[in-house]
Amino acid sequence: MSATYTASNIRVLTPAETADRFGWVKVAELAERYRRPEQWIARGLEACRRARVDPDYFERRYLQRLNIPRDERVDAAMRELATERRRS
């Protein structure tokens, strides 16, 4: 089986598609927009992923500083990540 690729096979992703597909792009965008460290944002988004919480929660609560209820699952995941980081 041989695959033939032409220019018609190439599709340029929209910025939103790029951020969804490549997490590091979203981290960089948020770090630039809110002027916060990329490492901290990456940990927050990873905590949301582990807690199965929409990553928009992190942006709204911690970057935009909106008064929304704290999600204990995300807090627990952040503590777990901090512990893992200390061990390594």
N, C-alpha and C. Protein backbone atom coordinates (compact mmCIF):
# COMPACT_ATOMS: atom_id res chain seq x y z
N MET A 1 0.85 -1.17 0.00
CA MET A 1 0.00 0.00 0.00
C MET A 1 0.90 1.24 0.00
N SER A 2 0.66 2.12 -0.92
CA SER A 2 1.43 3.36 -0.96
C SER A 2 0.48 4.54 -0.83
N ALA A 3 0.93 5.53 -0.10
CA ALA A 3 0.12 6.72 0.10
C ALA A 3 0.69 7.84 -0.74
N THR A 4 -0.19 8.53 -1.41
CA THR A 4 0.23 9.67 -2.21
C THR A 4 -0.38 10.92 -1.60
N TYR A 5 0.48 11.84 -1.27
CA TYR A 5 0.02 13.08 -0.67
C TYR A 5 0.25 14.21 -1.65
N THR A 6 -0.74 15.09 -1.75
CA THR A 6 -0.63 16.27 -2.60
C THR A 6 -0.96 17.49 -1.75
N ALA A 7 -0.87 18.63 -2.35
CA ALA A 7 -1.19 19.87 -1.63
C ALA A 7 -2.63 19.86 -1.13
N SER A 8 -3.51 19.13 -1.80
CA SER A 8 -4.91 19.09 -1.36
C SER A 8 -5.07 18.34 -0.04
N ASN A 9 -4.06 17.56 0.37
CA ASN A 9 -4.11 16.86 1.64
C ASN A 9 -3.76 17.76 2.82
N ILE A 10 -3.19 18.90 2.55
CA ILE A 10 -2.74 19.80 3.61
C ILE A 10 -3.90 20.68 4.06
N ARG A 11 -4.07 20.76 5.37
CA ARG A 11 -5.11 21.62 5.93
C ARG A 11 -4.48 22.47 7.01
N VAL A 12 -4.69 23.76 6.94
CA VAL A 12 -4.16 24.67 7.94
C VAL A 12 -5.17 24.75 9.08
N LEU A 13 -4.68 24.51 10.30
CA LEU A 13 -5.56 24.56 11.47
C LEU A 13 -5.85 25.99 11.87
N THR A 14 -7.03 26.20 12.40
CA THR A 14 -7.36 27.51 12.96
C THR A 14 -6.60 27.66 14.28
N PRO A 15 -6.45 28.87 14.78
CA PRO A 15 -5.77 29.04 16.07
C PRO A 15 -6.43 28.22 17.19
N ALA A 16 -7.76 28.16 17.19
CA ALA A 16 -8.46 27.39 18.23
C ALA A 16 -8.16 25.90 18.09
N GLU A 17 -8.15 25.39 16.86
CA GLU A 17 -7.84 23.98 16.63
C GLU A 17 -6.41 23.67 17.05
N THR A 18 -5.51 24.59 16.77
CA THR A 18 -4.11 24.41 17.14
C THR A 18 -3.97 24.33 18.66
N ALA A 19 -4.62 25.24 19.37
CA ALA A 19 -4.54 25.25 20.83
C ALA A 19 -5.16 23.99 21.43
N ASP A 20 -6.26 23.51 20.82
CA ASP A 20 -6.90 22.28 21.32
C ASP A 20 -6.03 21.07 21.08
N ARG A 21 -5.37 21.01 19.93
CA ARG A 21 -4.59 19.84 19.57
C ARG A 21 -3.23 19.81 20.25
N PHE A 22 -2.63 20.97 20.44
CA PHE A 22 -1.29 21.07 21.02
C PHE A 22 -1.37 21.90 22.30
N GLY A 23 -1.36 21.22 23.44
CA GLY A 23 -1.53 21.89 24.73
C GLY A 23 -0.52 22.98 24.99
N TRP A 24 0.71 22.80 24.52
CA TRP A 24 1.75 23.80 24.77
C TRP A 24 1.42 25.13 24.12
N VAL A 25 0.63 25.11 23.04
CA VAL A 25 0.23 26.36 22.38
C VAL A 25 -0.71 27.13 23.30
N LYS A 26 -1.66 26.40 23.89
CA LYS A 26 -2.60 27.06 24.81
C LYS A 26 -1.87 27.62 26.02
N VAL A 27 -0.91 26.88 26.55
CA VAL A 27 -0.12 27.34 27.70
C VAL A 27 0.60 28.64 27.34
N ALA A 28 1.24 28.67 26.18
CA ALA A 28 1.99 29.87 25.76
C ALA A 28 1.05 31.05 25.56
N GLU A 29 -0.12 30.81 24.96
CA GLU A 29 -1.08 31.89 24.75
C GLU A 29 -1.57 32.48 26.08
N LEU A 30 -1.90 31.59 27.02
CA LEU A 30 -2.37 32.07 28.32
C LEU A 30 -1.27 32.80 29.09
N ALA A 31 -0.05 32.29 29.02
CA ALA A 31 1.07 32.93 29.71
C ALA A 31 1.30 34.34 29.17
N GLU A 32 1.19 34.48 27.87
CA GLU A 32 1.40 35.81 27.27
C GLU A 32 0.24 36.74 27.61
N ARG A 33 -0.99 36.23 27.51
CA ARG A 33 -2.17 37.07 27.75
C ARG A 33 -2.23 37.55 29.20
N TYR A 34 -1.95 36.66 30.15
CA TYR A 34 -2.10 37.01 31.56
C TYR A 34 -0.77 37.30 32.27
N ARG A 35 0.32 37.20 31.52
CA ARG A 35 1.65 37.48 32.06
C ARG A 35 1.95 36.67 33.32
N ARG A 36 1.78 35.38 33.18
CA ARG A 36 2.05 34.43 34.25
C ARG A 36 3.03 33.39 33.75
N PRO A 37 3.74 32.69 34.64
CA PRO A 37 4.72 31.68 34.23
C PRO A 37 4.06 30.50 33.51
N GLU A 38 4.69 30.08 32.43
CA GLU A 38 4.18 28.95 31.66
C GLU A 38 4.10 27.68 32.50
N GLN A 39 5.10 27.44 33.34
CA GLN A 39 5.11 26.23 34.17
C GLN A 39 3.89 26.16 35.07
N TRP A 40 3.55 27.27 35.68
CA TRP A 40 2.42 27.32 36.59
C TRP A 40 1.11 27.07 35.83
N ILE A 41 0.97 27.68 34.66
CA ILE A 41 -0.23 27.48 33.85
C ILE A 41 -0.31 26.03 33.39
N ALA A 42 0.81 25.47 32.97
CA ALA A 42 0.82 24.06 32.53
C ALA A 42 0.37 23.14 33.66
N ARG A 43 0.83 23.41 34.89
CA ARG A 43 0.42 22.59 36.04
C ARG A 43 -1.07 22.74 36.29
N GLY A 44 -1.58 23.94 36.19
CA GLY A 44 -3.01 24.17 36.41
C GLY A 44 -3.87 23.45 35.39
N LEU A 45 -3.46 23.51 34.14
CA LEU A 45 -4.22 22.82 33.09
C LEU A 45 -4.11 21.30 33.24
N GLU A 46 -2.93 20.83 33.65
CA GLU A 46 -2.75 19.39 33.89
C GLU A 46 -3.62 18.95 35.07
N ALA A 47 -3.71 19.78 36.09
CA ALA A 47 -4.56 19.45 37.24
C ALA A 47 -6.02 19.33 36.80
N CYS A 48 -6.46 20.23 35.94
CA CYS A 48 -7.83 20.15 35.43
C CYS A 48 -8.03 18.87 34.63
N ARG A 49 -7.04 18.52 33.81
CA ARG A 49 -7.15 17.30 33.02
C ARG A 49 -7.27 16.09 33.93
N ARG A 50 -6.41 16.02 34.95
CA ARG A 50 -6.44 14.89 35.88
C ARG A 50 -7.74 14.82 36.66
N ALA A 51 -8.28 15.98 37.00
CA ALA A 51 -9.52 16.03 37.78
C ALA A 51 -10.76 15.92 36.88
N ARG A 52 -10.53 15.87 35.58
CA ARG A 52 -11.62 15.81 34.60
C ARG A 52 -12.55 17.01 34.73
N VAL A 53 -11.91 18.18 34.83
CA VAL A 53 -12.62 19.46 34.92
C VAL A 53 -12.26 20.26 33.68
N ASP A 54 -13.23 20.96 33.14
CA ASP A 54 -12.99 21.80 31.96
C ASP A 54 -11.82 22.75 32.25
N PRO A 55 -10.83 22.82 31.37
CA PRO A 55 -9.68 23.70 31.61
C PRO A 55 -10.05 25.18 31.69
N ASP A 56 -11.22 25.53 31.20
CA ASP A 56 -11.67 26.91 31.32
C ASP A 56 -11.84 27.31 32.78
N TYR A 57 -12.06 26.33 33.66
CA TYR A 57 -12.17 26.59 35.09
C TYR A 57 -10.88 27.27 35.59
N PHE A 58 -9.74 26.72 35.20
CA PHE A 58 -8.47 27.28 35.64
C PHE A 58 -8.32 28.72 35.17
N GLU A 59 -8.63 28.94 33.90
CA GLU A 59 -8.50 30.30 33.37
C GLU A 59 -9.44 31.26 34.10
N ARG A 60 -10.69 30.89 34.28
CA ARG A 60 -11.65 31.78 34.92
C ARG A 60 -11.30 32.04 36.39
N ARG A 61 -10.95 30.99 37.12
CA ARG A 61 -10.72 31.15 38.56
C ARG A 61 -9.36 31.76 38.87
N TYR A 62 -8.30 31.27 38.24
CA TYR A 62 -6.95 31.65 38.64
C TYR A 62 -6.31 32.73 37.77
N LEU A 63 -6.72 32.84 36.53
CA LEU A 63 -6.12 33.86 35.66
C LEU A 63 -7.01 35.10 35.58
N GLN A 64 -8.30 34.88 35.38
CA GLN A 64 -9.21 36.02 35.32
C GLN A 64 -9.64 36.47 36.72
N ARG A 65 -9.40 35.59 37.70
CA ARG A 65 -9.73 35.85 39.11
C ARG A 65 -11.22 36.13 39.33
N LEU A 66 -12.05 35.36 38.63
CA LEU A 66 -13.48 35.48 38.82
C LEU A 66 -13.87 34.77 40.12
N ASN A 67 -14.92 35.23 40.71
CA ASN A 67 -15.38 34.66 41.98
C ASN A 67 -16.27 33.46 41.69
N ILE A 68 -15.64 32.33 41.39
CA ILE A 68 -16.38 31.09 41.14
C ILE A 68 -15.98 30.09 42.22
N PRO A 69 -16.86 29.16 42.53
CA PRO A 69 -16.57 28.21 43.60
C PRO A 69 -15.32 27.38 43.33
N ARG A 70 -14.56 27.13 44.37
CA ARG A 70 -13.35 26.31 44.29
C ARG A 70 -13.74 24.86 44.01
N ASP A 71 -12.98 24.22 43.14
CA ASP A 71 -13.19 22.81 42.85
C ASP A 71 -12.12 22.01 43.58
N GLU A 72 -12.54 21.27 44.59
CA GLU A 72 -11.60 20.52 45.43
C GLU A 72 -10.82 19.47 44.64
N ARG A 73 -11.41 18.95 43.58
CA ARG A 73 -10.70 17.95 42.76
C ARG A 73 -9.48 18.56 42.09
N VAL A 74 -9.62 19.79 41.62
CA VAL A 74 -8.49 20.47 40.99
C VAL A 74 -7.43 20.80 42.03
N ASP A 75 -7.85 21.26 43.20
CA ASP A 75 -6.90 21.55 44.28
C ASP A 75 -6.11 20.30 44.65
N ALA A 76 -6.81 19.16 44.76
CA ALA A 76 -6.13 17.91 45.10
C ALA A 76 -5.14 17.51 44.01
N ALA A 77 -5.53 17.70 42.75
CA ALA A 77 -4.62 17.38 41.64
C ALA A 77 -3.41 18.31 41.64
N MET A 78 -3.60 19.58 41.99
CA MET A 78 -2.47 20.52 42.07
C MET A 78 -1.50 20.08 43.17
N ARG A 79 -2.03 19.65 44.32
CA ARG A 79 -1.16 19.18 45.40
C ARG A 79 -0.40 17.93 44.96
N GLU A 80 -1.09 17.04 44.27
CA GLU A 80 -0.46 15.82 43.78
C GLU A 80 0.68 16.15 42.79
N LEU A 81 0.45 17.10 41.91
CA LEU A 81 1.49 17.51 40.97
C LEU A 81 2.68 18.12 41.69
N ALA A 82 2.41 18.94 42.71
CA ALA A 82 3.49 19.55 43.48
C ALA A 82 4.34 18.49 44.18
N THR A 83 3.66 17.47 44.72
CA THR A 83 4.36 16.37 45.38
C THR A 83 5.23 15.60 44.38
N GLU A 84 4.67 15.32 43.22
CA GLU A 84 5.42 14.63 42.16
C GLU A 84 6.64 15.44 41.75
N ARG A 85 6.46 16.74 41.64
CA ARG A 85 7.57 17.62 41.23
C ARG A 85 8.69 17.60 42.25
N ARG A 86 8.32 17.63 43.54
CA ARG A 86 9.33 17.60 44.59
C ARG A 86 10.10 16.29 44.60
N ARG A 87 9.42 15.20 44.30
CA ARG A 87 10.07 13.87 44.30
C ARG A 87 11.04 13.69 43.16
N SER A 88 10.79 14.38 42.06
CA SER A 88 11.68 14.18 40.89
C SER A 88 12.91 15.05 40.90
